[in-house]
Amino acid sequence: MIFSKLANRRESKICYNTINRILFGQWKDNKVLLFISTLPLMGNKPAVQQYGDEKVFFTCPKALQAYNKYMGYVDLVADKKIGGSFTHKSHVKKWYKKGLISILDFMLMNGSIVRNRSSQIKDIIRDMINNMDWRVYIAELMLNW
């Protein structure tokens, strides 16, 4: 069940293990994507991708569409970490310092996500802020403490 790099674009292979109830799959777009899921979503579903004014219709595995629709917390952290992070900028030799910086970075990212999600609650009046403004806000709180 392995695609080569020469496989057709938007081709998929899916295998479901009934004993362990795990779905294994591959999907080829620009690169070959391997995925494992505990959701028993076999088969493909129509999807649309838009390039400017042009719409491209194709089929995509249901498990990947469910993942994209309900993308979770960890993926939001990974997406936001690309933009600005202490761990990408720190060049320390000691492993424990890098670990501490990673933990602090993760805590800052968690705080940012929780704050922005709480701004969507009806009774709380807050504006959503971006990652850099959140870090400045925390720095000012720490300096005034």
N, C-alpha and C. Protein backbone atom coordinates (compact mmCIF):
# COMPACT_ATOMS: atom_id res chain seq x y z
N MET A 1 0.83 -1.18 0.00
CA MET A 1 0.00 0.00 0.00
C MET A 1 0.88 1.25 0.00
N ILE A 2 1.87 1.27 -0.82
CA ILE A 2 2.77 2.41 -0.86
C ILE A 2 2.70 3.05 -2.24
N PHE A 3 2.46 4.37 -2.24
CA PHE A 3 2.46 5.13 -3.48
C PHE A 3 3.88 5.46 -3.87
N SER A 4 4.11 5.54 -5.13
CA SER A 4 5.38 6.07 -5.60
C SER A 4 5.19 7.57 -5.84
N LYS A 5 6.28 8.26 -6.04
CA LYS A 5 6.18 9.70 -6.32
C LYS A 5 5.53 9.96 -7.67
N LEU A 6 5.48 8.93 -8.51
CA LEU A 6 4.91 9.08 -9.85
C LEU A 6 3.41 8.78 -9.90
N ALA A 7 2.80 8.52 -8.74
CA ALA A 7 1.37 8.21 -8.72
C ALA A 7 0.57 9.44 -9.16
N ASN A 8 -0.65 9.17 -9.63
CA ASN A 8 -1.52 10.27 -10.07
C ASN A 8 -1.93 11.14 -8.90
N ARG A 9 -2.07 12.43 -9.18
CA ARG A 9 -2.48 13.37 -8.15
C ARG A 9 -3.92 13.11 -7.76
N ARG A 10 -4.21 13.28 -6.47
CA ARG A 10 -5.53 13.06 -5.85
C ARG A 10 -5.99 11.61 -5.94
N GLU A 11 -5.05 10.70 -5.90
CA GLU A 11 -5.35 9.27 -5.84
C GLU A 11 -5.21 8.84 -4.38
N SER A 12 -6.03 7.88 -3.96
CA SER A 12 -5.97 7.46 -2.55
C SER A 12 -6.05 5.95 -2.43
N LYS A 13 -5.48 5.45 -1.35
CA LYS A 13 -5.58 4.05 -0.96
C LYS A 13 -5.94 4.01 0.51
N ILE A 14 -6.93 3.21 0.87
CA ILE A 14 -7.39 3.13 2.25
C ILE A 14 -7.52 1.68 2.66
N CYS A 15 -7.09 1.37 3.88
CA CYS A 15 -7.20 0.02 4.42
C CYS A 15 -7.72 0.12 5.85
N TYR A 16 -8.74 -0.68 6.20
CA TYR A 16 -9.30 -0.64 7.55
C TYR A 16 -9.03 -1.96 8.24
N ASN A 17 -8.41 -1.90 9.41
CA ASN A 17 -8.12 -3.08 10.22
C ASN A 17 -9.29 -3.29 11.17
N THR A 18 -10.08 -4.33 10.94
CA THR A 18 -11.29 -4.55 11.73
C THR A 18 -10.98 -5.04 13.13
N ILE A 19 -9.85 -5.68 13.34
CA ILE A 19 -9.50 -6.19 14.67
C ILE A 19 -9.15 -5.03 15.61
N ASN A 20 -8.27 -4.16 15.17
CA ASN A 20 -7.85 -3.03 15.99
C ASN A 20 -8.67 -1.77 15.77
N ARG A 21 -9.55 -1.80 14.79
CA ARG A 21 -10.41 -0.68 14.41
C ARG A 21 -9.60 0.59 14.12
N ILE A 22 -8.63 0.43 13.22
CA ILE A 22 -7.79 1.53 12.81
C ILE A 22 -7.82 1.64 11.29
N LEU A 23 -7.92 2.86 10.80
CA LEU A 23 -7.94 3.14 9.38
C LEU A 23 -6.57 3.65 8.95
N PHE A 24 -5.99 3.00 7.96
CA PHE A 24 -4.71 3.42 7.40
C PHE A 24 -4.97 3.93 5.99
N GLY A 25 -4.31 4.99 5.62
CA GLY A 25 -4.54 5.50 4.28
C GLY A 25 -3.40 6.33 3.75
N GLN A 26 -3.44 6.49 2.43
CA GLN A 26 -2.51 7.35 1.73
C GLN A 26 -3.30 8.17 0.73
N TRP A 27 -2.86 9.38 0.52
CA TRP A 27 -3.49 10.25 -0.46
C TRP A 27 -2.40 11.07 -1.10
N LYS A 28 -2.43 11.16 -2.40
CA LYS A 28 -1.40 11.87 -3.14
C LYS A 28 -1.98 13.18 -3.63
N ASP A 29 -1.37 14.29 -3.20
CA ASP A 29 -1.68 15.60 -3.75
C ASP A 29 -0.37 16.13 -4.31
N ASN A 30 0.21 17.14 -3.73
CA ASN A 30 1.55 17.55 -4.15
C ASN A 30 2.58 16.54 -3.67
N LYS A 31 2.35 16.00 -2.48
CA LYS A 31 3.20 14.96 -1.91
C LYS A 31 2.30 13.83 -1.45
N VAL A 32 2.91 12.70 -1.12
CA VAL A 32 2.15 11.57 -0.60
C VAL A 32 1.90 11.81 0.88
N LEU A 33 0.62 11.76 1.29
CA LEU A 33 0.22 11.98 2.67
C LEU A 33 -0.18 10.65 3.27
N LEU A 34 0.46 10.26 4.36
CA LEU A 34 0.09 9.06 5.10
C LEU A 34 -0.76 9.47 6.29
N PHE A 35 -1.82 8.72 6.58
CA PHE A 35 -2.64 9.06 7.74
C PHE A 35 -3.17 7.80 8.40
N ILE A 36 -3.39 7.92 9.70
CA ILE A 36 -3.96 6.86 10.52
C ILE A 36 -5.10 7.49 11.31
N SER A 37 -6.23 6.80 11.38
CA SER A 37 -7.38 7.35 12.07
C SER A 37 -8.13 6.25 12.81
N THR A 38 -8.76 6.61 13.91
CA THR A 38 -9.63 5.67 14.61
C THR A 38 -11.08 5.83 14.17
N LEU A 39 -11.34 6.81 13.32
CA LEU A 39 -12.68 6.97 12.77
C LEU A 39 -12.86 6.01 11.59
N PRO A 40 -13.87 5.18 11.61
CA PRO A 40 -14.06 4.22 10.50
C PRO A 40 -14.75 4.88 9.29
N LEU A 41 -14.10 5.87 8.71
CA LEU A 41 -14.68 6.60 7.58
C LEU A 41 -14.06 6.09 6.28
N MET A 42 -14.64 5.05 5.74
CA MET A 42 -14.14 4.48 4.49
C MET A 42 -14.72 5.26 3.32
N GLY A 43 -14.01 5.22 2.22
CA GLY A 43 -14.51 5.80 0.99
C GLY A 43 -14.08 7.25 0.79
N ASN A 44 -14.50 7.76 -0.34
CA ASN A 44 -14.16 9.12 -0.73
C ASN A 44 -15.41 9.99 -0.76
N LYS A 45 -15.19 11.29 -0.72
CA LYS A 45 -16.27 12.26 -0.71
C LYS A 45 -15.88 13.40 -1.66
N PRO A 46 -16.82 13.97 -2.38
CA PRO A 46 -16.46 15.07 -3.28
C PRO A 46 -15.95 16.29 -2.51
N ALA A 47 -14.99 16.97 -3.12
CA ALA A 47 -14.41 18.17 -2.52
C ALA A 47 -14.12 19.19 -3.62
N VAL A 48 -13.90 20.43 -3.20
CA VAL A 48 -13.63 21.51 -4.14
C VAL A 48 -12.39 22.25 -3.67
N GLN A 49 -11.52 22.56 -4.60
CA GLN A 49 -10.36 23.39 -4.31
C GLN A 49 -10.37 24.55 -5.29
N GLN A 50 -10.10 25.75 -4.79
CA GLN A 50 -10.21 26.92 -5.64
C GLN A 50 -8.84 27.56 -5.83
N TYR A 51 -8.51 27.82 -7.10
CA TYR A 51 -7.30 28.54 -7.49
C TYR A 51 -7.73 29.82 -8.19
N GLY A 52 -7.80 30.94 -7.46
CA GLY A 52 -8.28 32.18 -8.04
C GLY A 52 -9.76 32.06 -8.38
N ASP A 53 -10.09 32.21 -9.66
CA ASP A 53 -11.48 32.07 -10.10
C ASP A 53 -11.82 30.64 -10.50
N GLU A 54 -10.83 29.81 -10.65
CA GLU A 54 -11.03 28.45 -11.14
C GLU A 54 -11.30 27.49 -9.98
N LYS A 55 -12.36 26.69 -10.10
CA LYS A 55 -12.69 25.68 -9.09
C LYS A 55 -12.37 24.30 -9.65
N VAL A 56 -11.70 23.50 -8.85
CA VAL A 56 -11.34 22.14 -9.24
C VAL A 56 -12.12 21.18 -8.36
N PHE A 57 -12.90 20.29 -8.97
CA PHE A 57 -13.68 19.30 -8.25
C PHE A 57 -12.94 17.97 -8.28
N PHE A 58 -12.86 17.31 -7.12
CA PHE A 58 -12.16 16.03 -7.02
C PHE A 58 -12.74 15.26 -5.84
N THR A 59 -12.27 14.04 -5.64
CA THR A 59 -12.70 13.26 -4.49
C THR A 59 -11.53 13.13 -3.51
N CYS A 60 -11.86 13.12 -2.24
CA CYS A 60 -10.87 13.06 -1.17
C CYS A 60 -11.37 12.06 -0.13
N PRO A 61 -10.49 11.33 0.56
CA PRO A 61 -10.94 10.40 1.59
C PRO A 61 -11.74 11.11 2.69
N LYS A 62 -12.80 10.45 3.15
CA LYS A 62 -13.67 11.04 4.17
C LYS A 62 -12.91 11.33 5.46
N ALA A 63 -11.93 10.48 5.80
CA ALA A 63 -11.17 10.69 7.04
C ALA A 63 -10.38 11.99 6.98
N LEU A 64 -9.81 12.33 5.84
CA LEU A 64 -9.06 13.58 5.71
C LEU A 64 -9.98 14.79 5.77
N GLN A 65 -11.15 14.67 5.18
CA GLN A 65 -12.10 15.79 5.24
C GLN A 65 -12.59 16.01 6.67
N ALA A 66 -12.81 14.92 7.41
CA ALA A 66 -13.22 15.06 8.81
C ALA A 66 -12.11 15.70 9.63
N TYR A 67 -10.86 15.32 9.34
CA TYR A 67 -9.73 15.93 10.04
C TYR A 67 -9.64 17.43 9.76
N ASN A 68 -9.78 17.81 8.51
CA ASN A 68 -9.70 19.23 8.16
C ASN A 68 -10.85 20.03 8.76
N LYS A 69 -12.02 19.40 8.85
CA LYS A 69 -13.19 20.11 9.38
C LYS A 69 -13.08 20.29 10.90
N TYR A 70 -12.61 19.27 11.59
CA TYR A 70 -12.55 19.31 13.05
C TYR A 70 -11.11 19.35 13.54
N MET A 71 -10.26 20.10 12.84
CA MET A 71 -8.85 20.18 13.21
C MET A 71 -8.74 20.64 14.66
N GLY A 72 -7.94 19.95 15.39
CA GLY A 72 -7.93 20.16 16.82
C GLY A 72 -6.91 21.15 17.33
N TYR A 73 -6.81 21.16 18.61
CA TYR A 73 -6.02 22.11 19.37
C TYR A 73 -4.53 22.01 19.07
N VAL A 74 -4.01 20.80 19.01
CA VAL A 74 -2.58 20.61 18.77
C VAL A 74 -2.18 21.17 17.41
N ASP A 75 -3.04 20.99 16.41
CA ASP A 75 -2.73 21.50 15.08
C ASP A 75 -2.77 23.01 15.03
N LEU A 76 -3.65 23.62 15.81
CA LEU A 76 -3.67 25.08 15.87
C LEU A 76 -2.37 25.60 16.48
N VAL A 77 -1.88 24.91 17.49
CA VAL A 77 -0.61 25.31 18.11
C VAL A 77 0.52 25.17 17.11
N ALA A 78 0.54 24.08 16.36
CA ALA A 78 1.61 23.86 15.38
C ALA A 78 1.55 24.93 14.28
N ASP A 79 0.35 25.29 13.83
CA ASP A 79 0.22 26.32 12.81
C ASP A 79 0.70 27.68 13.31
N LYS A 80 0.35 28.03 14.53
CA LYS A 80 0.74 29.33 15.06
C LYS A 80 2.21 29.37 15.43
N LYS A 81 2.79 28.22 15.73
CA LYS A 81 4.19 28.18 16.14
C LYS A 81 5.12 28.51 14.98
N ILE A 82 4.66 28.29 13.78
CA ILE A 82 5.48 28.59 12.61
C ILE A 82 5.75 30.08 12.51
N GLY A 83 4.74 30.90 12.84
CA GLY A 83 4.87 32.34 12.70
C GLY A 83 5.84 32.98 13.68
N GLY A 84 5.81 32.58 14.91
CA GLY A 84 6.70 33.19 15.89
C GLY A 84 6.84 32.29 17.09
N SER A 85 8.05 31.95 17.42
CA SER A 85 8.28 31.01 18.49
C SER A 85 9.66 31.25 19.07
N PHE A 86 9.79 31.04 20.35
CA PHE A 86 11.11 31.18 20.97
C PHE A 86 12.00 29.99 20.64
N THR A 87 11.40 28.81 20.46
CA THR A 87 12.23 27.62 20.25
C THR A 87 12.92 27.62 18.91
N HIS A 88 12.34 28.26 17.90
CA HIS A 88 13.01 28.32 16.61
C HIS A 88 14.15 29.32 16.61
N LYS A 89 14.10 30.29 17.53
CA LYS A 89 15.11 31.34 17.55
C LYS A 89 16.22 31.07 18.56
N SER A 90 15.98 30.18 19.50
CA SER A 90 16.97 29.98 20.55
C SER A 90 18.02 28.97 20.09
N HIS A 91 19.25 29.35 20.31
CA HIS A 91 20.37 28.46 19.98
C HIS A 91 21.15 28.24 21.27
N VAL A 92 20.68 27.33 22.08
CA VAL A 92 21.33 27.03 23.34
C VAL A 92 21.97 25.65 23.23
N LYS A 93 23.03 25.46 23.99
CA LYS A 93 23.75 24.19 23.93
C LYS A 93 23.17 23.16 24.90
N LYS A 94 22.64 23.61 25.99
CA LYS A 94 22.14 22.69 27.01
C LYS A 94 20.73 22.24 26.66
N TRP A 95 20.48 20.94 26.70
CA TRP A 95 19.18 20.40 26.30
C TRP A 95 18.07 20.84 27.24
N TYR A 96 18.38 20.99 28.53
CA TYR A 96 17.33 21.35 29.47
C TYR A 96 16.89 22.80 29.29
N LYS A 97 17.78 23.66 28.81
CA LYS A 97 17.37 25.04 28.54
C LYS A 97 16.42 25.09 27.35
N LYS A 98 16.72 24.31 26.33
CA LYS A 98 15.82 24.26 25.17
C LYS A 98 14.48 23.67 25.57
N GLY A 99 14.50 22.67 26.46
CA GLY A 99 13.25 22.08 26.95
C GLY A 99 12.43 23.08 27.73
N LEU A 100 13.08 23.87 28.59
CA LEU A 100 12.37 24.88 29.37
C LEU A 100 11.78 25.95 28.46
N ILE A 101 12.55 26.38 27.47
CA ILE A 101 12.05 27.38 26.53
C ILE A 101 10.86 26.83 25.74
N SER A 102 10.92 25.54 25.37
CA SER A 102 9.80 24.92 24.66
C SER A 102 8.55 24.87 25.52
N ILE A 103 8.72 24.56 26.80
CA ILE A 103 7.56 24.51 27.70
C ILE A 103 6.95 25.90 27.86
N LEU A 104 7.79 26.91 28.05
CA LEU A 104 7.28 28.28 28.17
C LEU A 104 6.58 28.73 26.89
N ASP A 105 7.15 28.36 25.75
CA ASP A 105 6.56 28.70 24.47
C ASP A 105 5.19 28.04 24.31
N PHE A 106 5.10 26.79 24.71
CA PHE A 106 3.84 26.06 24.62
C PHE A 106 2.80 26.67 25.55
N MET A 107 3.24 27.09 26.74
CA MET A 107 2.31 27.72 27.68
C MET A 107 1.78 29.04 27.13
N LEU A 108 2.65 29.83 26.51
CA LEU A 108 2.21 31.09 25.90
C LEU A 108 1.22 30.82 24.78
N MET A 109 1.49 29.81 23.97
CA MET A 109 0.59 29.48 22.87
C MET A 109 -0.76 29.00 23.38
N ASN A 110 -0.74 28.17 24.44
CA ASN A 110 -2.00 27.72 25.04
C ASN A 110 -2.82 28.89 25.56
N GLY A 111 -2.14 29.82 26.23
CA GLY A 111 -2.84 30.99 26.75
C GLY A 111 -3.47 31.81 25.64
N SER A 112 -2.76 31.97 24.54
CA SER A 112 -3.28 32.74 23.40
C SER A 112 -4.52 32.07 22.82
N ILE A 113 -4.47 30.78 22.65
CA ILE A 113 -5.60 30.06 22.06
C ILE A 113 -6.81 30.09 22.99
N VAL A 114 -6.57 29.87 24.29
CA VAL A 114 -7.68 29.90 25.25
C VAL A 114 -8.30 31.29 25.32
N ARG A 115 -7.47 32.34 25.31
CA ARG A 115 -8.01 33.69 25.35
C ARG A 115 -8.85 34.00 24.12
N ASN A 116 -8.35 33.62 22.95
CA ASN A 116 -9.11 33.89 21.73
C ASN A 116 -10.39 33.06 21.67
N ARG A 117 -10.35 31.84 22.18
CA ARG A 117 -11.58 31.05 22.20
C ARG A 117 -12.58 31.59 23.21
N SER A 118 -12.07 32.13 24.32
CA SER A 118 -13.00 32.69 25.31
C SER A 118 -13.62 33.99 24.83
N SER A 119 -12.99 34.64 23.87
CA SER A 119 -13.58 35.88 23.34
C SER A 119 -14.83 35.59 22.51
N GLN A 120 -15.03 34.33 22.15
CA GLN A 120 -16.21 33.96 21.38
C GLN A 120 -17.41 33.64 22.26
N ILE A 121 -17.21 33.61 23.58
CA ILE A 121 -18.32 33.36 24.51
C ILE A 121 -19.17 34.63 24.59
N LYS A 122 -20.47 34.43 24.66
CA LYS A 122 -21.41 35.54 24.55
C LYS A 122 -21.24 36.60 25.63
N ASP A 123 -21.03 36.23 26.88
CA ASP A 123 -20.99 37.19 27.98
C ASP A 123 -19.63 37.85 28.17
N ILE A 124 -18.60 37.36 27.53
CA ILE A 124 -17.26 37.93 27.69
C ILE A 124 -16.99 38.89 26.54
N ILE A 125 -16.62 40.12 26.88
CA ILE A 125 -16.38 41.14 25.86
C ILE A 125 -14.87 41.30 25.73
N ARG A 126 -14.31 40.72 24.68
CA ARG A 126 -12.87 40.80 24.37
C ARG A 126 -12.70 40.78 22.87
N ASP A 127 -11.63 41.37 22.43
CA ASP A 127 -11.27 41.24 21.02
C ASP A 127 -10.26 40.11 20.88
N MET A 128 -10.29 39.47 19.74
CA MET A 128 -9.28 38.46 19.46
C MET A 128 -7.97 39.18 19.13
N ILE A 129 -6.86 38.64 19.62
CA ILE A 129 -5.57 39.26 19.36
C ILE A 129 -4.64 38.25 18.70
N ASN A 130 -3.67 38.76 17.97
CA ASN A 130 -2.74 37.85 17.31
C ASN A 130 -1.64 37.43 18.28
N ASN A 131 -0.77 36.55 17.82
CA ASN A 131 0.25 35.95 18.66
C ASN A 131 1.22 36.99 19.20
N MET A 132 1.65 37.92 18.38
CA MET A 132 2.63 38.91 18.82
C MET A 132 2.03 39.86 19.87
N ASP A 133 0.79 40.30 19.66
CA ASP A 133 0.15 41.17 20.65
C ASP A 133 -0.04 40.44 21.98
N TRP A 134 -0.32 39.14 21.91
CA TRP A 134 -0.47 38.35 23.13
C TRP A 134 0.84 38.31 23.90
N ARG A 135 1.95 38.13 23.21
CA ARG A 135 3.26 38.07 23.88
C ARG A 135 3.61 39.43 24.50
N VAL A 136 3.29 40.51 23.81
CA VAL A 136 3.54 41.85 24.37
C VAL A 136 2.68 42.06 25.61
N TYR A 137 1.42 41.62 25.56
CA TYR A 137 0.51 41.75 26.70
C TYR A 137 1.05 40.99 27.91
N ILE A 138 1.52 39.77 27.70
CA ILE A 138 2.08 38.98 28.81
C ILE A 138 3.36 39.62 29.34
N ALA A 139 4.21 40.13 28.45
CA ALA A 139 5.45 40.78 28.88
C ALA A 139 5.14 42.01 29.74
N GLU A 140 4.15 42.80 29.33
CA GLU A 140 3.78 43.98 30.13
C GLU A 140 3.23 43.58 31.48
N LEU A 141 2.43 42.51 31.54
CA LEU A 141 1.93 42.02 32.83
C LEU A 141 3.08 41.59 33.74
N MET A 142 4.06 40.90 33.17
CA MET A 142 5.19 40.44 33.97
C MET A 142 6.05 41.61 34.45
N LEU A 143 6.21 42.62 33.63
CA LEU A 143 7.01 43.78 34.01
C LEU A 143 6.31 44.61 35.10
N ASN A 144 4.99 44.67 35.05
CA ASN A 144 4.23 45.44 36.05
C ASN A 144 3.96 44.66 37.31
N TRP A 145 4.29 43.39 37.37
CA TRP A 145 4.00 42.55 38.50
C TRP A 145 4.93 42.86 39.58
